Amino acid sequence: MAKKKCDQCKDEITTAFRVRHLSLHYAQKEWVFLCDDCLNEVKPNNSSYKYGGTWKA
């Protein structure tokens, strides 16, 4: 089964959420992949947050 690493905590995951949550991501036109736990940390009250899809193994 294919796995990705969470760009924040570096855990190996089988479901990743493609997001932008920092102004740096927009400036560099970059998406990051986060696990569910990290997503729940960065999403609340974040005006820079944007969901870009779900990757599944």
N, C-alpha and C. Protein backbone atom coordinates (compact mmCIF):
# COMPACT_ATOMS: atom_id res chain seq x y z
N MET A 1 0.84 -1.17 0.00
CA MET A 1 0.00 0.00 0.00
C MET A 1 0.89 1.25 0.00
N ALA A 2 0.55 2.20 -0.83
CA ALA A 2 1.32 3.44 -0.94
C ALA A 2 1.10 4.32 0.29
N LYS A 3 2.13 5.04 0.67
CA LYS A 3 2.04 5.95 1.80
C LYS A 3 2.72 7.27 1.45
N LYS A 4 2.29 8.30 2.11
CA LYS A 4 2.93 9.62 2.01
C LYS A 4 3.39 9.99 3.41
N LYS A 5 4.27 10.97 3.48
CA LYS A 5 4.66 11.52 4.78
C LYS A 5 3.93 12.85 4.97
N CYS A 6 3.42 13.03 6.16
CA CYS A 6 2.81 14.30 6.52
C CYS A 6 3.91 15.36 6.48
N ASP A 7 3.66 16.46 5.80
CA ASP A 7 4.67 17.51 5.68
C ASP A 7 4.95 18.23 7.00
N GLN A 8 4.08 18.05 7.98
CA GLN A 8 4.29 18.74 9.25
C GLN A 8 4.91 17.82 10.31
N CYS A 9 4.28 16.66 10.59
CA CYS A 9 4.79 15.79 11.65
C CYS A 9 5.68 14.67 11.13
N LYS A 10 5.70 14.47 9.80
CA LYS A 10 6.54 13.47 9.12
C LYS A 10 6.09 12.03 9.35
N ASP A 11 4.90 11.80 9.93
CA ASP A 11 4.37 10.44 10.07
C ASP A 11 3.99 9.91 8.69
N GLU A 12 4.10 8.59 8.50
CA GLU A 12 3.64 7.95 7.27
C GLU A 12 2.14 7.76 7.37
N ILE A 13 1.43 8.14 6.31
CA ILE A 13 -0.03 8.11 6.32
C ILE A 13 -0.58 7.54 5.02
N THR A 14 -1.79 7.00 5.09
CA THR A 14 -2.44 6.46 3.90
C THR A 14 -3.53 7.39 3.39
N THR A 15 -3.90 8.41 4.17
CA THR A 15 -4.84 9.45 3.75
C THR A 15 -4.21 10.79 4.09
N ALA A 16 -4.08 11.64 3.08
CA ALA A 16 -3.45 12.94 3.27
C ALA A 16 -4.36 14.03 2.70
N PHE A 17 -4.34 15.18 3.34
CA PHE A 17 -5.16 16.30 2.92
C PHE A 17 -4.27 17.37 2.32
N ARG A 18 -4.53 17.71 1.06
CA ARG A 18 -3.73 18.73 0.36
C ARG A 18 -4.27 20.10 0.74
N VAL A 19 -3.42 20.91 1.34
CA VAL A 19 -3.88 22.21 1.83
C VAL A 19 -2.81 23.27 1.66
N ARG A 20 -3.26 24.50 1.78
CA ARG A 20 -2.39 25.67 1.97
C ARG A 20 -2.87 26.29 3.26
N HIS A 21 -1.95 26.55 4.18
CA HIS A 21 -2.38 27.14 5.45
C HIS A 21 -1.46 28.26 5.93
N LEU A 22 -0.46 28.60 5.13
CA LEU A 22 0.43 29.71 5.45
C LEU A 22 0.52 30.63 4.24
N SER A 23 0.73 31.91 4.46
CA SER A 23 0.86 32.83 3.33
C SER A 23 2.04 32.45 2.45
N LEU A 24 3.04 31.82 3.04
CA LEU A 24 4.20 31.33 2.28
C LEU A 24 3.78 30.35 1.19
N HIS A 25 2.81 29.48 1.49
CA HIS A 25 2.34 28.50 0.50
C HIS A 25 1.73 29.19 -0.72
N TYR A 26 1.00 30.28 -0.47
CA TYR A 26 0.40 31.03 -1.58
C TYR A 26 1.48 31.75 -2.39
N ALA A 27 2.44 32.33 -1.70
CA ALA A 27 3.52 33.06 -2.38
C ALA A 27 4.33 32.14 -3.28
N GLN A 28 4.56 30.91 -2.83
CA GLN A 28 5.35 29.95 -3.61
C GLN A 28 4.48 29.03 -4.47
N LYS A 29 3.16 29.27 -4.45
CA LYS A 29 2.20 28.44 -5.19
C LYS A 29 2.41 26.97 -4.87
N GLU A 30 2.47 26.67 -3.58
CA GLU A 30 2.82 25.36 -3.07
C GLU A 30 1.67 24.78 -2.24
N TRP A 31 1.46 23.47 -2.38
CA TRP A 31 0.51 22.74 -1.56
C TRP A 31 1.30 21.83 -0.63
N VAL A 32 0.77 21.57 0.55
CA VAL A 32 1.38 20.61 1.47
C VAL A 32 0.37 19.51 1.77
N PHE A 33 0.88 18.35 2.17
CA PHE A 33 0.03 17.23 2.54
C PHE A 33 0.11 17.03 4.05
N LEU A 34 -1.06 17.01 4.70
CA LEU A 34 -1.13 16.87 6.14
C LEU A 34 -1.97 15.67 6.54
N CYS A 35 -1.62 15.08 7.68
CA CYS A 35 -2.45 14.02 8.25
C CYS A 35 -3.66 14.66 8.93
N ASP A 36 -4.59 13.86 9.36
CA ASP A 36 -5.81 14.35 9.99
C ASP A 36 -5.50 15.16 11.26
N ASP A 37 -4.58 14.67 12.08
CA ASP A 37 -4.24 15.37 13.33
C ASP A 37 -3.66 16.75 13.05
N CYS A 38 -2.71 16.83 12.13
CA CYS A 38 -2.10 18.12 11.81
C CYS A 38 -3.10 19.06 11.14
N LEU A 39 -3.96 18.51 10.31
CA LEU A 39 -5.01 19.33 9.68
C LEU A 39 -5.87 19.99 10.75
N ASN A 40 -6.25 19.22 11.76
CA ASN A 40 -7.09 19.77 12.83
C ASN A 40 -6.36 20.80 13.68
N GLU A 41 -5.04 20.80 13.65
CA GLU A 41 -4.26 21.82 14.36
C GLU A 41 -4.20 23.14 13.59
N VAL A 42 -4.07 23.07 12.26
CA VAL A 42 -3.85 24.29 11.47
C VAL A 42 -5.13 24.92 10.93
N LYS A 43 -6.21 24.15 10.86
CA LYS A 43 -7.44 24.62 10.22
C LYS A 43 -8.24 25.67 11.02
N PRO A 44 -8.48 25.47 12.32
CA PRO A 44 -9.36 26.40 13.04
C PRO A 44 -8.84 27.85 13.05
N ASN A 45 -9.75 28.77 12.79
CA ASN A 45 -9.46 30.22 12.85
C ASN A 45 -8.27 30.63 12.00
N ASN A 46 -8.08 29.98 10.87
CA ASN A 46 -6.94 30.28 10.00
C ASN A 46 -7.47 30.84 8.68
N SER A 47 -7.34 32.14 8.49
CA SER A 47 -7.85 32.78 7.28
C SER A 47 -7.04 32.41 6.04
N SER A 48 -5.84 31.85 6.22
CA SER A 48 -5.02 31.43 5.08
C SER A 48 -5.30 29.99 4.65
N TYR A 49 -6.14 29.26 5.39
CA TYR A 49 -6.41 27.85 5.10
C TYR A 49 -7.21 27.68 3.81
N LYS A 50 -6.75 26.74 2.98
CA LYS A 50 -7.50 26.38 1.77
C LYS A 50 -7.32 24.89 1.53
N TYR A 51 -8.43 24.19 1.35
CA TYR A 51 -8.45 22.75 1.09
C TYR A 51 -8.26 22.51 -0.40
N GLY A 52 -7.42 21.53 -0.75
CA GLY A 52 -7.15 21.26 -2.15
C GLY A 52 -7.43 19.83 -2.58
N GLY A 53 -7.99 19.02 -1.69
CA GLY A 53 -8.33 17.65 -2.06
C GLY A 53 -7.75 16.64 -1.07
N THR A 54 -8.18 15.39 -1.25
CA THR A 54 -7.74 14.30 -0.39
C THR A 54 -7.02 13.27 -1.22
N TRP A 55 -5.87 12.82 -0.74
CA TRP A 55 -5.10 11.76 -1.38
C TRP A 55 -5.28 10.50 -0.55
N LYS A 56 -5.63 9.40 -1.21
CA LYS A 56 -5.79 8.12 -0.51
C LYS A 56 -4.94 7.07 -1.21
N ALA A 57 -4.32 6.22 -0.40
CA ALA A 57 -3.48 5.15 -0.93
C ALA A 57 -4.29 4.11 -1.65
